[in-house]
């Protein structure tokens, strides 16, 4: 059951196309549960960074480690803190149609109508099976707009562009595709070249490591992790304003850190958010590589080269 909180309609969600930087919000933990106060700081950090929207929960949120109660409580915080300022995309992926519908209804009860669904690997990578799964779910969610998440193997189904297009043509509720197979660029080109009219756009993934190529091919948005959202928002603005050299300079600054982020994932995100004064601890539930002293030094050097400032590595280490 959805808790009684102020239910806003998220008119921003319904009338604005998804464009720009839409970070997947991390989940802050304590030793005993989730940290709702820290979640509010995370959201304020994202909004202050100038993001165009937020996503929760997703893979970068350690969603598979959350209980149903934790997931719901956190999404309520997201809905309340964001309000109508930017669009919210709620993750609703699950192994079964019934679970997808349950998560989706929690989001819809909070006024969030955009839902991201990754087809479960258990149904296979055929267009017919994915279409049947999404049709069964969306038939029960007539007010929802679906972002079809096409994740790479081994985590995702790794759908071919032809399969993605067949699914989109047959499931009108799918309004966006998040394309993050590797390489994503040719898939984005193929999908947009043959997209039906109801598909509003293709969103890039891959942690924004390929964002300029994705944008050059027509991607409307990107869904990176959060730790350098202000740099990504500035890159996005420069690109859209036609200042290509500025966008590329920011992209080049981001790459060393993002290469490390591909390995250390949520642990890097939380370490950098600690450096930036957003998080109080680096607790991670999902299985990710530990940061030894040399990894920490490398991460902090790459972050410093991004030019974003920090509260200082020494202070963060003492806090840990």
C-alpha atoms as a PDB file:
ATOM      1  CA  UNK A   1       0.000   0.000   0.000  1.00  0.00           C
ATOM      2  CA  UNK A   2       1.304   3.489  -0.864  1.00  0.00           C
ATOM      3  CA  UNK A   3       1.737   5.707   2.188  1.00  0.00           C
ATOM      4  CA  UNK A   4      -0.385   8.834   2.481  1.00  0.00           C
ATOM      5  CA  UNK A   5       1.820  11.624   1.220  1.00  0.00           C
ATOM      6  CA  UNK A   6       0.927  14.611  -0.892  1.00  0.00           C
ATOM      7  CA  UNK A   7       0.085  13.161  -4.300  1.00  0.00           C
ATOM      8  CA  UNK A   8       1.225  15.590  -6.963  1.00  0.00           C
ATOM      9  CA  UNK A   9       0.243  15.023 -10.551  1.00  0.00           C
ATOM     10  CA  UNK A  10       3.727  15.617 -11.947  1.00  0.00           C
ATOM     11  CA  UNK A  11       2.413  17.727 -14.808  1.00  0.00           C
ATOM     12  CA  UNK A  12       6.059  18.190 -15.765  1.00  0.00           C
ATOM     13  CA  UNK A  13       6.160  14.451 -16.427  1.00  0.00           C
ATOM     14  CA  UNK A  14       3.148  14.469 -18.676  1.00  0.00           C
ATOM     15  CA  UNK A  15       3.930  17.475 -20.850  1.00  0.00           C
ATOM     16  CA  UNK A  16       7.693  17.479 -21.277  1.00  0.00           C
ATOM     17  CA  UNK A  17       9.678  15.160 -23.480  1.00  0.00           C
ATOM     18  CA  UNK A  18      12.612  13.500 -21.772  1.00  0.00           C
ATOM     19  CA  UNK A  19      15.798  15.276 -22.803  1.00  0.00           C
ATOM     20  CA  UNK A  20      19.172  15.973 -21.259  1.00  0.00           C
ATOM     21  CA  UNK A  21      20.819  14.447 -18.207  1.00  0.00           C
ATOM     22  CA  UNK A  22      18.635  12.037 -16.221  1.00  0.00           C
ATOM     23  CA  UNK A  23      20.882  10.500 -13.541  1.00  0.00           C
ATOM     24  CA  UNK A  24      20.049   7.265 -11.799  1.00  0.00           C
ATOM     25  CA  UNK A  25      20.012   8.125  -8.097  1.00  0.00           C
ATOM     26  CA  UNK A  26      22.091   5.975  -5.744  1.00  0.00           C
ATOM     27  CA  UNK A  27      20.653   4.555  -2.534  1.00  0.00           C
ATOM     28  CA  UNK A  28      22.309   5.725   0.697  1.00  0.00           C
ATOM     29  CA  UNK A  29      22.516   3.147   3.462  1.00  0.00           C
ATOM     30  CA  UNK A  30      23.219   3.024   7.152  1.00  0.00           C
ATOM     31  CA  UNK A  31      24.427  -0.076   8.975  1.00  0.00           C
ATOM     32  CA  UNK A  32      20.806  -0.989   9.655  1.00  0.00           C
ATOM     33  CA  UNK A  33      18.782   0.233   6.691  1.00  0.00           C
ATOM     34  CA  UNK A  34      18.316   3.023   4.175  1.00  0.00           C
ATOM     35  CA  UNK A  35      19.136   6.632   5.007  1.00  0.00           C
ATOM     36  CA  UNK A  36      16.164   8.819   4.062  1.00  0.00           C
ATOM     37  CA  UNK A  37      17.824  12.041   5.201  1.00  0.00           C
ATOM     38  CA  UNK A  38      20.802  11.313   2.957  1.00  0.00           C
ATOM     39  CA  UNK A  39      18.390  10.502   0.120  1.00  0.00           C
ATOM     40  CA  UNK A  40      17.003  14.017   0.427  1.00  0.00           C
ATOM     41  CA  UNK A  41      20.531  15.437   0.172  1.00  0.00           C
ATOM     42  CA  UNK A  42      21.167  13.317  -2.915  1.00  0.00           C
ATOM     43  CA  UNK A  43      18.047  14.681  -4.594  1.00  0.00           C
ATOM     44  CA  UNK A  44      18.909  18.284  -3.707  1.00  0.00           C
ATOM     45  CA  UNK A  45      22.403  17.751  -5.079  1.00  0.00           C
ATOM     46  CA  UNK A  46      20.930  16.454  -8.341  1.00  0.00           C
ATOM     47  CA  UNK A  47      18.534  19.375  -8.696  1.00  0.00           C
ATOM     48  CA  UNK A  48      21.223  21.925  -7.843  1.00  0.00           C
ATOM     49  CA  UNK A  49      23.445  20.309 -10.489  1.00  0.00           C
ATOM     50  CA  UNK A  50      20.892  21.248 -13.146  1.00  0.00           C
ATOM     51  CA  UNK A  51      19.711  17.796 -14.169  1.00  0.00           C
ATOM     52  CA  UNK A  52      16.770  17.501 -16.544  1.00  0.00           C
ATOM     53  CA  UNK A  53      15.141  14.665 -14.602  1.00  0.00           C
ATOM     54  CA  UNK A  54      15.914  11.831 -12.195  1.00  0.00           C
ATOM     55  CA  UNK A  55      15.611   8.046 -12.289  1.00  0.00           C
ATOM     56  CA  UNK A  56      14.904   5.805  -9.299  1.00  0.00           C
ATOM     57  CA  UNK A  57      15.330   2.963  -8.687  1.00  0.00           C
ATOM     58  CA  UNK A  58      17.712   1.520 -11.227  1.00  0.00           C
ATOM     59  CA  UNK A  59      20.737  -0.724 -11.369  1.00  0.00           C
ATOM     60  CA  UNK A  60      22.938   2.094 -10.028  1.00  0.00           C
ATOM     61  CA  UNK A  61      20.490   2.376  -7.092  1.00  0.00           C
ATOM     62  CA  UNK A  62      21.409  -1.183  -6.009  1.00  0.00           C
ATOM     63  CA  UNK A  63      17.746  -1.937  -6.589  1.00  0.00           C
ATOM     64  CA  UNK A  64      18.162  -5.690  -6.279  1.00  0.00           C
ATOM     65  CA  UNK A  65      19.302  -5.287  -2.659  1.00  0.00           C
ATOM     66  CA  UNK A  66      16.282  -3.234  -1.537  1.00  0.00           C
ATOM     67  CA  UNK A  67      13.311  -4.638   0.317  1.00  0.00           C
ATOM     68  CA  UNK A  68       9.866  -3.709  -0.931  1.00  0.00           C
ATOM     69  CA  UNK A  69       9.371  -1.387   2.039  1.00  0.00           C
ATOM     70  CA  UNK A  70      12.718   0.344   1.492  1.00  0.00           C
ATOM     71  CA  UNK A  71      12.035   0.787  -2.190  1.00  0.00           C
ATOM     72  CA  UNK A  72       8.650   2.352  -1.541  1.00  0.00           C
ATOM     73  CA  UNK A  73       9.907   4.668   1.218  1.00  0.00           C
ATOM     74  CA  UNK A  74      12.758   5.913  -0.977  1.00  0.00           C
ATOM     75  CA  UNK A  75      10.507   6.512  -3.989  1.00  0.00           C
ATOM     76  CA  UNK A  76       8.180   8.521  -1.780  1.00  0.00           C
ATOM     77  CA  UNK A  77      11.113  10.721  -0.774  1.00  0.00           C
ATOM     78  CA  UNK A  78      12.011  11.196  -4.448  1.00  0.00           C
ATOM     79  CA  UNK A  79       8.444  12.178  -5.337  1.00  0.00           C
ATOM     80  CA  UNK A  80       8.153  14.609  -2.429  1.00  0.00           C
ATOM     81  CA  UNK A  81      11.554  16.279  -2.862  1.00  0.00           C
ATOM     82  CA  UNK A  82      11.407  16.588  -6.642  1.00  0.00           C
ATOM     83  CA  UNK A  83       7.761  17.600  -6.869  1.00  0.00           C
ATOM     84  CA  UNK A  84       7.040  19.013 -10.316  1.00  0.00           C
ATOM     85  CA  UNK A  85      10.460  20.550 -10.881  1.00  0.00           C
ATOM     86  CA  UNK A  86      11.777  17.890 -13.264  1.00  0.00           C
ATOM     87  CA  UNK A  87      10.429  14.606 -14.637  1.00  0.00           C
ATOM     88  CA  UNK A  88      10.829  11.451 -12.582  1.00  0.00           C
ATOM     89  CA  UNK A  89      11.354   8.042 -14.152  1.00  0.00           C
ATOM     90  CA  UNK A  90      10.542   5.177 -11.796  1.00  0.00           C
ATOM     91  CA  UNK A  91      12.137   1.788 -12.314  1.00  0.00           C
ATOM     92  CA  UNK A  92       9.575  -0.998 -12.461  1.00  0.00           C
ATOM     93  CA  UNK A  93      11.655  -3.932 -13.671  1.00  0.00           C
ATOM     94  CA  UNK A  94      10.927  -7.325 -12.149  1.00  0.00           C
ATOM     95  CA  UNK A  95      10.995 -11.036 -13.045  1.00  0.00           C
ATOM     96  CA  UNK A  96       7.213 -11.336 -13.439  1.00  0.00           C
ATOM     97  CA  UNK A  97       4.375  -9.308 -14.889  1.00  0.00           C
ATOM     98  CA  UNK A  98       2.608  -9.187 -11.521  1.00  0.00           C
ATOM     99  CA  UNK A  99       5.680  -7.711  -9.833  1.00  0.00           C
ATOM    100  CA  UNK A 100       6.146  -5.146 -12.603  1.00  0.00           C
ATOM    101  CA  UNK A 101       2.530  -4.068 -12.220  1.00  0.00           C
ATOM    102  CA  UNK A 102       2.883  -3.850  -8.447  1.00  0.00           C
ATOM    103  CA  UNK A 103       5.960  -1.612  -8.645  1.00  0.00           C
ATOM    104  CA  UNK A 104       4.342   0.448 -11.382  1.00  0.00           C
ATOM    105  CA  UNK A 105       1.225   1.059  -9.330  1.00  0.00           C
ATOM    106  CA  UNK A 106       3.341   2.279  -6.429  1.00  0.00           C
ATOM    107  CA  UNK A 107       4.881   4.870  -8.742  1.00  0.00           C
ATOM    108  CA  UNK A 108       1.576   5.801 -10.341  1.00  0.00           C
ATOM    109  CA  UNK A 109       0.123   6.298  -6.869  1.00  0.00           C
ATOM    110  CA  UNK A 110       2.767   8.977  -6.361  1.00  0.00           C
ATOM    111  CA  UNK A 111       1.910  10.699  -9.632  1.00  0.00           C
ATOM    112  CA  UNK A 112       4.880   9.238 -11.526  1.00  0.00           C
ATOM    113  CA  UNK A 113       3.739   8.096 -14.959  1.00  0.00           C
ATOM    114  CA  UNK A 114       7.061   7.323 -16.645  1.00  0.00           C
ATOM    115  CA  UNK A 115       8.228   3.799 -15.893  1.00  0.00           C
ATOM    116  CA  UNK A 116      11.426   2.084 -17.008  1.00  0.00           C
ATOM    117  CA  UNK A 117      11.182  -1.656 -17.555  1.00  0.00           C
ATOM    118  CA  UNK A 118      13.981  -4.048 -18.422  1.00  0.00           C
ATOM    119  CA  UNK A 119      12.559  -7.316 -19.768  1.00  0.00           C
ATOM    120  CA  UNK A 120      13.646 -10.215 -17.565  1.00  0.00           C
ATOM    121  CA  UNK A 121      16.344 -12.408 -19.051  1.00  0.00           C
ATOM    122  CA  UNK A 122      14.292 -15.457 -18.163  1.00  0.00           C
ATOM    123  CA  UNK A 123      11.890 -14.834 -21.050  1.00  0.00           C
ATOM    124  CA  UNK A 124      14.672 -14.753 -23.654  1.00  0.00           C
ATOM    125  CA  UNK A 125      15.742 -12.160 -26.203  1.00  0.00           C
ATOM    126  CA  UNK A 126      13.055 -12.785 -28.802  1.00  0.00           C
ATOM    127  CA  UNK A 127      10.787  -9.929 -29.822  1.00  0.00           C
ATOM    128  CA  UNK A 128       7.707 -12.107 -29.409  1.00  0.00           C
ATOM    129  CA  UNK A 129       8.409 -12.993 -25.788  1.00  0.00           C
ATOM    130  CA  UNK A 130       9.314  -9.409 -24.845  1.00  0.00           C
ATOM    131  CA  UNK A 131       6.229  -8.093 -26.610  1.00  0.00           C
ATOM    132  CA  UNK A 132       3.995 -10.549 -24.768  1.00  0.00           C
ATOM    133  CA  UNK A 133       5.546  -9.621 -21.413  1.00  0.00           C
ATOM    134  CA  UNK A 134       5.178  -5.867 -21.932  1.00  0.00           C
ATOM    135  CA  UNK A 135       1.695  -6.206 -23.412  1.00  0.00           C
ATOM    136  CA  UNK A 136       0.518  -8.125 -20.365  1.00  0.00           C
ATOM    137  CA  UNK A 137       1.983  -5.484 -18.032  1.00  0.00           C
ATOM    138  CA  UNK A 138       0.923  -2.350 -19.882  1.00  0.00           C
ATOM    139  CA  UNK A 139      -2.642  -3.606 -20.361  1.00  0.00           C
ATOM    140  CA  UNK A 140      -2.983  -3.081 -16.610  1.00  0.00           C
ATOM    141  CA  UNK A 141      -1.245   0.318 -16.672  1.00  0.00           C
ATOM    142  CA  UNK A 142      -3.085   2.408 -19.286  1.00  0.00           C
ATOM    143  CA  UNK A 143      -1.836   5.758 -17.948  1.00  0.00           C
ATOM    144  CA  UNK A 144       1.857   4.813 -17.997  1.00  0.00           C
ATOM    145  CA  UNK A 145       4.562   5.767 -20.476  1.00  0.00           C
ATOM    146  CA  UNK A 146       7.173   3.028 -20.752  1.00  0.00           C
ATOM    147  CA  UNK A 147      10.917   3.349 -21.246  1.00  0.00           C
ATOM    148  CA  UNK A 148      12.099   0.006 -22.605  1.00  0.00           C
ATOM    149  CA  UNK A 149      15.521  -0.635 -21.079  1.00  0.00           C
ATOM    150  CA  UNK A 150      17.712  -2.674 -23.380  1.00  0.00           C
ATOM    151  CA  UNK A 151      20.630  -3.657 -21.171  1.00  0.00           C
ATOM    152  CA  UNK A 152      23.669  -5.609 -22.359  1.00  0.00           C
ATOM    153  CA  UNK A 153      24.474  -9.178 -21.414  1.00  0.00           C
ATOM    154  CA  UNK A 154      25.041 -10.638 -18.915  1.00  0.00           C
ATOM    155  CA  UNK A 155      22.740  -8.324 -16.939  1.00  0.00           C
ATOM    156  CA  UNK A 156      20.186  -7.720 -19.672  1.00  0.00           C
ATOM    157  CA  UNK A 157      18.561  -9.330 -22.678  1.00  0.00           C
ATOM    158  CA  UNK A 158      20.858  -7.577 -25.180  1.00  0.00           C
ATOM    159  CA  UNK A 159      18.082  -7.195 -27.748  1.00  0.00           C
ATOM    160  CA  UNK A 160      19.078  -6.584 -31.345  1.00  0.00           C
ATOM    161  CA  UNK A 161      17.818  -3.297 -32.868  1.00  0.00           C
ATOM    162  CA  UNK A 162      15.405  -5.253 -35.065  1.00  0.00           C
ATOM    163  CA  UNK A 163      13.884  -6.885 -31.998  1.00  0.00           C
ATOM    164  CA  UNK A 164      13.638  -3.546 -30.188  1.00  0.00           C
ATOM    165  CA  UNK A 165      11.833  -2.017 -33.155  1.00  0.00           C
ATOM    166  CA  UNK A 166       9.398  -4.917 -33.397  1.00  0.00           C
ATOM    167  CA  UNK A 167       8.558  -4.580 -29.707  1.00  0.00           C
ATOM    168  CA  UNK A 168       8.109  -0.811 -29.977  1.00  0.00           C
ATOM    169  CA  UNK A 169       5.829  -1.143 -33.014  1.00  0.00           C
ATOM    170  CA  UNK A 170       3.639  -3.681 -31.225  1.00  0.00           C
ATOM    171  CA  UNK A 171       3.514  -2.049 -27.786  1.00  0.00           C
ATOM    172  CA  UNK A 172       2.285   1.522 -28.162  1.00  0.00           C
ATOM    173  CA  UNK A 173       2.898   2.273 -24.479  1.00  0.00           C
ATOM    174  CA  UNK A 174       6.659   2.181 -25.146  1.00  0.00           C
ATOM    175  CA  UNK A 175       7.517   5.834 -25.738  1.00  0.00           C
ATOM    176  CA  UNK A 176      11.273   5.681 -25.210  1.00  0.00           C
ATOM    177  CA  UNK A 177      14.080   3.155 -25.479  1.00  0.00           C
ATOM    178  CA  UNK A 178      17.083   3.251 -23.171  1.00  0.00           C
ATOM    179  CA  UNK A 179      19.720   1.694 -25.384  1.00  0.00           C
ATOM    180  CA  UNK A 180      22.826   0.528 -23.546  1.00  0.00           C
ATOM    181  CA  UNK A 181      24.011  -2.504 -25.459  1.00  0.00           C
ATOM    182  CA  UNK A 182      27.586  -2.297 -26.702  1.00  0.00           C
ATOM    183  CA  UNK A 183      28.270  -0.597 -28.981  1.00  0.00           C
ATOM    184  CA  UNK A 184      25.149   1.491 -28.412  1.00  0.00           C
ATOM    185  CA  UNK A 185      25.775   3.993 -31.198  1.00  0.00           C
ATOM    186  CA  UNK A 186      24.846   1.852 -34.229  1.00  0.00           C
ATOM    187  CA  UNK A 187      21.793   0.523 -32.385  1.00  0.00           C
ATOM    188  CA  UNK A 188      20.608   4.081 -31.659  1.00  0.00           C
ATOM    189  CA  UNK A 189      21.027   4.978 -35.321  1.00  0.00           C
ATOM    190  CA  UNK A 190      19.098   1.902 -36.475  1.00  0.00           C
ATOM    191  CA  UNK A 191      16.240   2.419 -34.015  1.00  0.00           C
ATOM    192  CA  UNK A 192      15.775   6.111 -34.806  1.00  0.00           C
ATOM    193  CA  UNK A 193      15.978   5.521 -38.552  1.00  0.00           C
ATOM    194  CA  UNK A 194      13.038   3.115 -38.400  1.00  0.00           C
ATOM    195  CA  UNK A 195      11.088   4.271 -35.347  1.00  0.00           C
ATOM    196  CA  UNK A 196       7.286   4.471 -35.372  1.00  0.00           C
ATOM    197  CA  UNK A 197       5.732   7.871 -34.696  1.00  0.00           C
ATOM    198  CA  UNK A 198       4.792   7.097 -31.100  1.00  0.00           C
ATOM    199  CA  UNK A 199       8.435   6.575 -30.078  1.00  0.00           C
ATOM    200  CA  UNK A 200       9.536   9.911 -28.649  1.00  0.00           C
ATOM    201  CA  UNK A 201      13.224   9.199 -28.331  1.00  0.00           C
ATOM    202  CA  UNK A 202      16.168   6.959 -27.537  1.00  0.00           C
ATOM    203  CA  UNK A 203      18.144   7.493 -24.327  1.00  0.00           C
ATOM    204  CA  UNK A 204      21.796   6.598 -23.937  1.00  0.00           C
ATOM    205  CA  UNK A 205      23.238   4.494 -21.130  1.00  0.00           C
ATOM    206  CA  UNK A 206      26.725   3.235 -20.440  1.00  0.00           C
ATOM    207  CA  UNK A 207      27.386   5.798 -17.713  1.00  0.00           C
ATOM    208  CA  UNK A 208      27.746   8.621 -20.294  1.00  0.00           C
ATOM    209  CA  UNK A 209      31.033   7.119 -21.426  1.00  0.00           C
ATOM    210  CA  UNK A 210      29.796   7.393 -25.025  1.00  0.00           C
ATOM    211  CA  UNK A 211      27.511  10.406 -24.659  1.00  0.00           C
ATOM    212  CA  UNK A 212      28.798  12.524 -27.546  1.00  0.00           C
ATOM    213  CA  UNK A 213      28.514   9.666 -30.013  1.00  0.00           C
ATOM    214  CA  UNK A 214      25.009   8.932 -28.706  1.00  0.00           C
ATOM    215  CA  UNK A 215      23.981  12.578 -29.028  1.00  0.00           C
ATOM    216  CA  UNK A 216      25.486  12.858 -32.506  1.00  0.00           C
ATOM    217  CA  UNK A 217      23.315   9.907 -33.520  1.00  0.00           C
ATOM    218  CA  UNK A 218      20.158  11.560 -32.194  1.00  0.00           C
ATOM    219  CA  UNK A 219      19.805  10.313 -28.624  1.00  0.00           C
ATOM    220  CA  UNK A 220      17.544  12.681 -26.707  1.00  0.00           C
ATOM    221  CA  UNK A 221      18.977  12.084 -23.234  1.00  0.00           C
ATOM    222  CA  UNK A 222      21.484  10.174 -21.144  1.00  0.00           C
ATOM    223  CA  UNK A 223      21.158   8.267 -17.851  1.00  0.00           C
ATOM    224  CA  UNK A 224      24.542   8.295 -16.107  1.00  0.00           C
ATOM    225  CA  UNK A 225      25.339   7.847 -12.436  1.00  0.00           C
ATOM    226  CA  UNK A 226      25.067  10.927 -10.232  1.00  0.00           C
ATOM    227  CA  UNK A 227      28.513  11.817  -8.928  1.00  0.00           C
ATOM    228  CA  UNK A 228      29.443  14.347 -11.659  1.00  0.00           C
ATOM    229  CA  UNK A 229      25.925  15.380 -12.667  1.00  0.00           C
ATOM    230  CA  UNK A 230      26.905  19.071 -12.775  1.00  0.00           C
ATOM    231  CA  UNK A 231      29.651  18.354 -15.309  1.00  0.00           C
ATOM    232  CA  UNK A 232      27.260  16.248 -17.366  1.00  0.00           C
ATOM    233  CA  UNK A 233      24.580  18.961 -17.234  1.00  0.00           C
ATOM    234  CA  UNK A 234      27.121  21.554 -18.397  1.00  0.00           C
ATOM    235  CA  UNK A 235      28.243  19.225 -21.200  1.00  0.00           C
ATOM    236  CA  UNK A 236      24.627  18.749 -22.246  1.00  0.00           C
ATOM    237  CA  UNK A 237      23.961  22.506 -22.306  1.00  0.00           C
ATOM    238  CA  UNK A 238      27.099  23.163 -24.336  1.00  0.00           C
ATOM    239  CA  UNK A 239      26.189  20.489 -26.858  1.00  0.00           C
ATOM    240  CA  UNK A 240      22.621  21.731 -27.303  1.00  0.00           C
ATOM    241  CA  UNK A 241      23.773  25.340 -27.611  1.00  0.00           C
ATOM    242  CA  UNK A 242      26.108  24.387 -30.446  1.00  0.00           C
ATOM    243  CA  UNK A 243      29.295  24.831 -28.440  1.00  0.00           C
ATOM    244  CA  UNK A 244      30.775  21.542 -29.533  1.00  0.00           C
ATOM    245  CA  UNK A 245      34.359  22.238 -28.498  1.00  0.00           C
ATOM    246  CA  UNK A 246      33.241  23.069 -24.950  1.00  0.00           C
ATOM    247  CA  UNK A 247      31.151  19.909 -24.787  1.00  0.00           C
ATOM    248  CA  UNK A 248      34.106  17.827 -25.960  1.00  0.00           C
ATOM    249  CA  UNK A 249      36.468  19.424 -23.446  1.00  0.00           C
ATOM    250  CA  UNK A 250      34.083  18.510 -20.615  1.00  0.00           C
ATOM    251  CA  UNK A 251      33.682  15.020 -22.043  1.00  0.00           C
ATOM    252  CA  UNK A 252      37.447  14.510 -22.107  1.00  0.00           C
ATOM    253  CA  UNK A 253      37.673  15.692 -18.484  1.00  0.00           C
ATOM    254  CA  UNK A 254      35.040  13.180 -17.429  1.00  0.00           C
ATOM    255  CA  UNK A 255      36.455  10.100 -19.134  1.00  0.00           C
ATOM    256  CA  UNK A 256      39.229   8.993 -16.736  1.00  0.00           C
ATOM    257  CA  UNK A 257      36.782   8.986 -13.819  1.00  0.00           C
ATOM    258  CA  UNK A 258      34.086   7.264 -15.869  1.00  0.00           C
ATOM    259  CA  UNK A 259      36.498   4.535 -16.942  1.00  0.00           C
ATOM    260  CA  UNK A 260      37.075   3.791 -13.257  1.00  0.00           C
ATOM    261  CA  UNK A 261      33.347   4.060 -12.571  1.00  0.00           C
ATOM    262  CA  UNK A 262      32.757   1.236 -15.035  1.00  0.00           C
ATOM    263  CA  UNK A 263      34.789  -1.005 -12.707  1.00  0.00           C
ATOM    264  CA  UNK A 264      34.013   0.231  -9.208  1.00  0.00           C
ATOM    265  CA  UNK A 265      30.401   1.252  -9.928  1.00  0.00           C
ATOM    266  CA  UNK A 266      28.402   2.289  -6.851  1.00  0.00           C
ATOM    267  CA  UNK A 267      31.485   2.278  -4.640  1.00  0.00           C
ATOM    268  CA  UNK A 268      33.070   4.990  -6.764  1.00  0.00           C
ATOM    269  CA  UNK A 269      29.816   6.953  -6.944  1.00  0.00           C
ATOM    270  CA  UNK A 270      29.479   6.963  -3.171  1.00  0.00           C
ATOM    271  CA  UNK A 271      33.136   7.783  -2.592  1.00  0.00           C
ATOM    272  CA  UNK A 272      32.920  10.820  -4.849  1.00  0.00           C
ATOM    273  CA  UNK A 273      29.616  11.922  -3.327  1.00  0.00           C
ATOM    274  CA  UNK A 274      31.380  11.706   0.038  1.00  0.00           C
ATOM    275  CA  UNK A 275      34.163  13.936  -1.262  1.00  0.00           C
ATOM    276  CA  UNK A 276      31.484  16.361  -2.373  1.00  0.00           C
ATOM    277  CA  UNK A 277      29.829  16.496   1.033  1.00  0.00           C
ATOM    278  CA  UNK A 278      26.633  14.712   0.015  1.00  0.00           C
ATOM    279  CA  UNK A 279      27.079  11.364   1.781  1.00  0.00           C
ATOM    280  CA  UNK A 280      28.280  10.535   5.280  1.00  0.00           C
ATOM    281  CA  UNK A 281      29.427   6.991   4.567  1.00  0.00           C
ATOM    282  CA  UNK A 282      30.344   4.767   1.601  1.00  0.00           C
ATOM    283  CA  UNK A 283      28.202   1.754   2.531  1.00  0.00           C
ATOM    284  CA  UNK A 284      27.375  -0.434  -0.485  1.00  0.00           C
ATOM    285  CA  UNK A 285      25.185  -3.534  -0.447  1.00  0.00           C
ATOM    286  CA  UNK A 286      25.636  -4.710  -4.022  1.00  0.00           C
ATOM    287  CA  UNK A 287      28.675  -6.873  -4.785  1.00  0.00           C
ATOM    288  CA  UNK A 288      31.276  -4.456  -6.132  1.00  0.00           C
ATOM    289  CA  UNK A 289      35.100  -4.406  -5.985  1.00  0.00           C
ATOM    290  CA  UNK A 290      36.589  -2.881  -2.859  1.00  0.00           C
ATOM    291  CA  UNK A 291      38.596   0.327  -3.084  1.00  0.00           C
ATOM    292  CA  UNK A 292      42.150  -0.162  -1.893  1.00  0.00           C
ATOM    293  CA  UNK A 293      44.482   2.760  -1.222  1.00  0.00           C
ATOM    294  CA  UNK A 294      45.793   2.962  -4.783  1.00  0.00           C
ATOM    295  CA  UNK A 295      42.294   2.814  -6.264  1.00  0.00           C
ATOM    296  CA  UNK A 296      41.204   5.617  -3.936  1.00  0.00           C
ATOM    297  CA  UNK A 297      44.193   7.709  -4.964  1.00  0.00           C
ATOM    298  CA  UNK A 298      43.426   7.161  -8.643  1.00  0.00           C
ATOM    299  CA  UNK A 299      39.739   8.009  -8.204  1.00  0.00           C
ATOM    300  CA  UNK A 300      40.487  11.166  -6.264  1.00  0.00           C
ATOM    301  CA  UNK A 301      43.048  12.316  -8.814  1.00  0.00           C
ATOM    302  CA  UNK A 302      40.602  11.763 -11.674  1.00  0.00           C
ATOM    303  CA  UNK A 303      37.851  13.538  -9.771  1.00  0.00           C
ATOM    304  CA  UNK A 304      40.134  16.492  -9.032  1.00  0.00           C
ATOM    305  CA  UNK A 305      40.901  16.746 -12.757  1.00  0.00           C
ATOM    306  CA  UNK A 306      37.174  17.132 -13.433  1.00  0.00           C
ATOM    307  CA  UNK A 307      37.486  20.551 -11.761  1.00  0.00           C
ATOM    308  CA  UNK A 308      34.354  20.249  -9.628  1.00  0.00           C
ATOM    309  CA  UNK A 309      35.772  20.801  -6.145  1.00  0.00           C
ATOM    310  CA  UNK A 310      35.278  18.722  -3.018  1.00  0.00           C
ATOM    311  CA  UNK A 311      35.056  18.925   0.750  1.00  0.00           C
ATOM    312  CA  UNK A 312      38.501  17.372   0.841  1.00  0.00           C
ATOM    313  CA  UNK A 313      39.766  13.812   0.833  1.00  0.00           C
ATOM    314  CA  UNK A 314      41.186  14.063   4.351  1.00  0.00           C
ATOM    315  CA  UNK A 315      37.849  15.078   5.852  1.00  0.00           C
ATOM    316  CA  UNK A 316      36.045  12.258   4.030  1.00  0.00           C
ATOM    317  CA  UNK A 317      38.590   9.683   5.190  1.00  0.00           C
ATOM    318  CA  UNK A 318      38.220  10.819   8.803  1.00  0.00           C
ATOM    319  CA  UNK A 319      34.429  10.626   8.489  1.00  0.00           C
ATOM    320  CA  UNK A 320      34.720   7.016   7.283  1.00  0.00           C
END
